[in-house]
Amino acid sequence: MTDPLDKATSRAPATVGEGCLSRYDPEALDAEDGTDFPEAARLWEQMQEQDEPPADPGKDA
């Protein structure tokens, strides 16, 4: 192991495209890549509820 970059504990998956169109190559991804986040939908709903502006009490008066 003469390359100092070989000491890294993680590596980015292969990408396709360039610049703004660069994205991870779905063919190169497997079960070891990505995340398992089953509560993502619930978190998204909670975040959306927090972002709603409060009702304007003087609007209907």
N, C-alpha and C. Protein backbone atom coordinates (compact mmCIF):
# COMPACT_ATOMS: atom_id res chain seq x y z
N MET A 1 0.84 -1.17 0.00
CA MET A 1 0.00 0.00 0.00
C MET A 1 0.90 1.24 0.00
N THR A 2 1.32 1.66 -1.16
CA THR A 2 2.19 2.82 -1.27
C THR A 2 1.40 4.11 -1.51
N ASP A 3 0.17 3.98 -1.97
CA ASP A 3 -0.66 5.16 -2.21
C ASP A 3 -1.31 5.60 -0.90
N PRO A 4 -1.06 6.83 -0.42
CA PRO A 4 -1.63 7.27 0.86
C PRO A 4 -3.16 7.34 0.83
N LEU A 5 -3.75 7.47 -0.35
CA LEU A 5 -5.20 7.51 -0.43
C LEU A 5 -5.84 6.15 -0.21
N ASP A 6 -5.07 5.07 -0.29
CA ASP A 6 -5.60 3.74 -0.03
C ASP A 6 -5.93 3.53 1.44
N LYS A 7 -5.48 4.44 2.31
CA LYS A 7 -5.74 4.31 3.74
C LYS A 7 -7.13 4.79 4.13
N ALA A 8 -7.84 5.41 3.22
CA ALA A 8 -9.18 5.91 3.52
C ALA A 8 -10.11 4.76 3.87
N THR A 9 -11.05 5.03 4.75
CA THR A 9 -11.97 3.97 5.19
C THR A 9 -13.21 3.89 4.33
N SER A 10 -13.46 4.89 3.50
CA SER A 10 -14.63 4.84 2.63
C SER A 10 -14.26 5.39 1.26
N ARG A 11 -15.04 5.00 0.29
CA ARG A 11 -14.83 5.48 -1.08
C ARG A 11 -16.17 5.85 -1.68
N ALA A 12 -16.16 6.89 -2.46
CA ALA A 12 -17.39 7.30 -3.14
C ALA A 12 -17.72 6.31 -4.25
N PRO A 13 -19.00 6.03 -4.47
CA PRO A 13 -19.37 5.14 -5.57
C PRO A 13 -19.02 5.77 -6.92
N ALA A 14 -18.96 4.96 -7.93
CA ALA A 14 -18.68 5.44 -9.28
C ALA A 14 -19.79 6.41 -9.72
N THR A 15 -19.43 7.36 -10.55
CA THR A 15 -20.40 8.34 -11.04
C THR A 15 -20.50 8.27 -12.55
N VAL A 16 -21.60 8.79 -13.06
CA VAL A 16 -21.79 8.96 -14.50
C VAL A 16 -22.17 10.41 -14.74
N GLY A 17 -21.90 10.91 -15.92
CA GLY A 17 -22.20 12.30 -16.24
C GLY A 17 -21.09 13.22 -15.75
N GLU A 18 -21.23 14.48 -16.14
CA GLU A 18 -20.23 15.48 -15.76
C GLU A 18 -20.92 16.74 -15.28
N GLY A 19 -20.21 17.48 -14.45
CA GLY A 19 -20.72 18.77 -13.98
C GLY A 19 -22.04 18.65 -13.24
N CYS A 20 -23.00 19.48 -13.63
CA CYS A 20 -24.31 19.48 -12.97
C CYS A 20 -25.07 18.18 -13.18
N LEU A 21 -24.71 17.42 -14.19
CA LEU A 21 -25.40 16.17 -14.49
C LEU A 21 -24.73 14.96 -13.85
N SER A 22 -23.69 15.19 -13.06
CA SER A 22 -22.98 14.09 -12.40
C SER A 22 -23.87 13.46 -11.34
N ARG A 23 -23.92 12.14 -11.32
CA ARG A 23 -24.74 11.41 -10.35
C ARG A 23 -24.11 10.05 -10.12
N TYR A 24 -24.50 9.41 -9.02
CA TYR A 24 -23.98 8.07 -8.75
C TYR A 24 -24.51 7.10 -9.79
N ASP A 25 -23.66 6.20 -10.22
CA ASP A 25 -24.01 5.19 -11.21
C ASP A 25 -24.88 4.12 -10.54
N PRO A 26 -26.16 4.01 -10.91
CA PRO A 26 -27.02 3.00 -10.28
C PRO A 26 -26.53 1.58 -10.50
N GLU A 27 -25.81 1.34 -11.58
CA GLU A 27 -25.27 0.00 -11.85
C GLU A 27 -24.17 -0.37 -10.86
N ALA A 28 -23.49 0.64 -10.30
CA ALA A 28 -22.37 0.38 -9.39
C ALA A 28 -22.81 0.30 -7.93
N LEU A 29 -24.06 0.69 -7.63
CA LEU A 29 -24.53 0.68 -6.24
C LEU A 29 -24.99 -0.71 -5.84
N ASP A 30 -24.78 -1.03 -4.56
CA ASP A 30 -25.28 -2.30 -4.03
C ASP A 30 -25.81 -2.08 -2.62
N ALA A 31 -26.08 -3.13 -1.89
CA ALA A 31 -26.68 -3.03 -0.55
C ALA A 31 -25.77 -2.32 0.45
N GLU A 32 -24.48 -2.27 0.20
CA GLU A 32 -23.55 -1.61 1.11
C GLU A 32 -23.56 -0.09 0.95
N ASP A 33 -24.13 0.41 -0.14
CA ASP A 33 -24.19 1.85 -0.40
C ASP A 33 -25.57 2.37 0.01
N GLY A 34 -25.63 3.63 0.37
CA GLY A 34 -26.91 4.24 0.69
C GLY A 34 -27.22 4.17 2.17
N THR A 35 -28.49 4.40 2.48
CA THR A 35 -28.92 4.43 3.87
C THR A 35 -30.21 3.65 4.04
N ASP A 36 -30.49 3.30 5.27
CA ASP A 36 -31.76 2.68 5.62
C ASP A 36 -32.42 3.64 6.59
N PHE A 37 -33.43 4.36 6.14
CA PHE A 37 -34.06 5.40 6.95
C PHE A 37 -35.58 5.26 6.84
N PRO A 38 -36.15 4.29 7.57
CA PRO A 38 -37.58 4.01 7.45
C PRO A 38 -38.47 5.15 7.97
N GLU A 39 -37.96 6.03 8.79
CA GLU A 39 -38.76 7.12 9.34
C GLU A 39 -38.67 8.40 8.51
N ALA A 40 -38.10 8.32 7.32
CA ALA A 40 -37.91 9.52 6.50
C ALA A 40 -39.22 10.21 6.17
N ALA A 41 -40.25 9.45 5.82
CA ALA A 41 -41.54 10.05 5.46
C ALA A 41 -42.14 10.80 6.65
N ARG A 42 -42.06 10.21 7.83
CA ARG A 42 -42.61 10.86 9.02
C ARG A 42 -41.83 12.14 9.35
N LEU A 43 -40.52 12.09 9.23
CA LEU A 43 -39.70 13.27 9.48
C LEU A 43 -40.05 14.37 8.48
N TRP A 44 -40.22 14.01 7.21
CA TRP A 44 -40.57 14.99 6.18
C TRP A 44 -41.89 15.66 6.53
N GLU A 45 -42.89 14.90 6.96
CA GLU A 45 -44.19 15.47 7.32
C GLU A 45 -44.05 16.42 8.50
N GLN A 46 -43.26 16.05 9.50
CA GLN A 46 -43.05 16.93 10.66
C GLN A 46 -42.37 18.23 10.24
N MET A 47 -41.41 18.13 9.36
CA MET A 47 -40.70 19.33 8.90
C MET A 47 -41.64 20.24 8.11
N GLN A 48 -42.53 19.67 7.32
CA GLN A 48 -43.47 20.47 6.55
C GLN A 48 -44.46 21.17 7.46
N GLU A 49 -44.91 20.50 8.53
CA GLU A 49 -45.83 21.11 9.49
C GLU A 49 -45.16 22.30 10.18
N GLN A 50 -43.89 22.20 10.48
CA GLN A 50 -43.17 23.28 11.14
C GLN A 50 -42.99 24.47 10.21
N ASP A 51 -42.92 24.23 8.91
CA ASP A 51 -42.69 25.30 7.95
C ASP A 51 -43.96 26.06 7.58
N GLU A 52 -45.14 25.54 7.94
CA GLU A 52 -46.39 26.22 7.60
C GLU A 52 -46.48 27.53 8.37
N PRO A 53 -46.83 28.63 7.67
CA PRO A 53 -46.96 29.91 8.36
C PRO A 53 -48.17 29.89 9.29
N PRO A 54 -48.12 30.62 10.40
CA PRO A 54 -49.27 30.66 11.30
C PRO A 54 -50.44 31.35 10.64
N ALA A 55 -51.64 30.98 11.03
CA ALA A 55 -52.85 31.59 10.47
C ALA A 55 -52.90 33.06 10.87
N ASP A 56 -53.34 33.91 9.96
CA ASP A 56 -53.44 35.35 10.22
C ASP A 56 -54.81 35.63 10.84
N PRO A 57 -54.88 35.96 12.15
CA PRO A 57 -56.17 36.15 12.80
C PRO A 57 -56.93 37.36 12.26
N GLY A 58 -56.28 38.37 11.72
CA GLY A 58 -56.96 39.56 11.21
C GLY A 58 -57.45 39.40 9.79
N LYS A 59 -57.14 38.31 9.15
CA LYS A 59 -57.49 38.12 7.75
C LYS A 59 -58.99 38.00 7.53
N ASP A 60 -59.71 37.28 8.41
CA ASP A 60 -61.14 37.05 8.25
C ASP A 60 -61.98 38.14 8.92
N ALA A 61 -61.38 39.09 9.57
CA ALA A 61 -62.12 40.11 10.32
C ALA A 61 -62.64 41.20 9.43
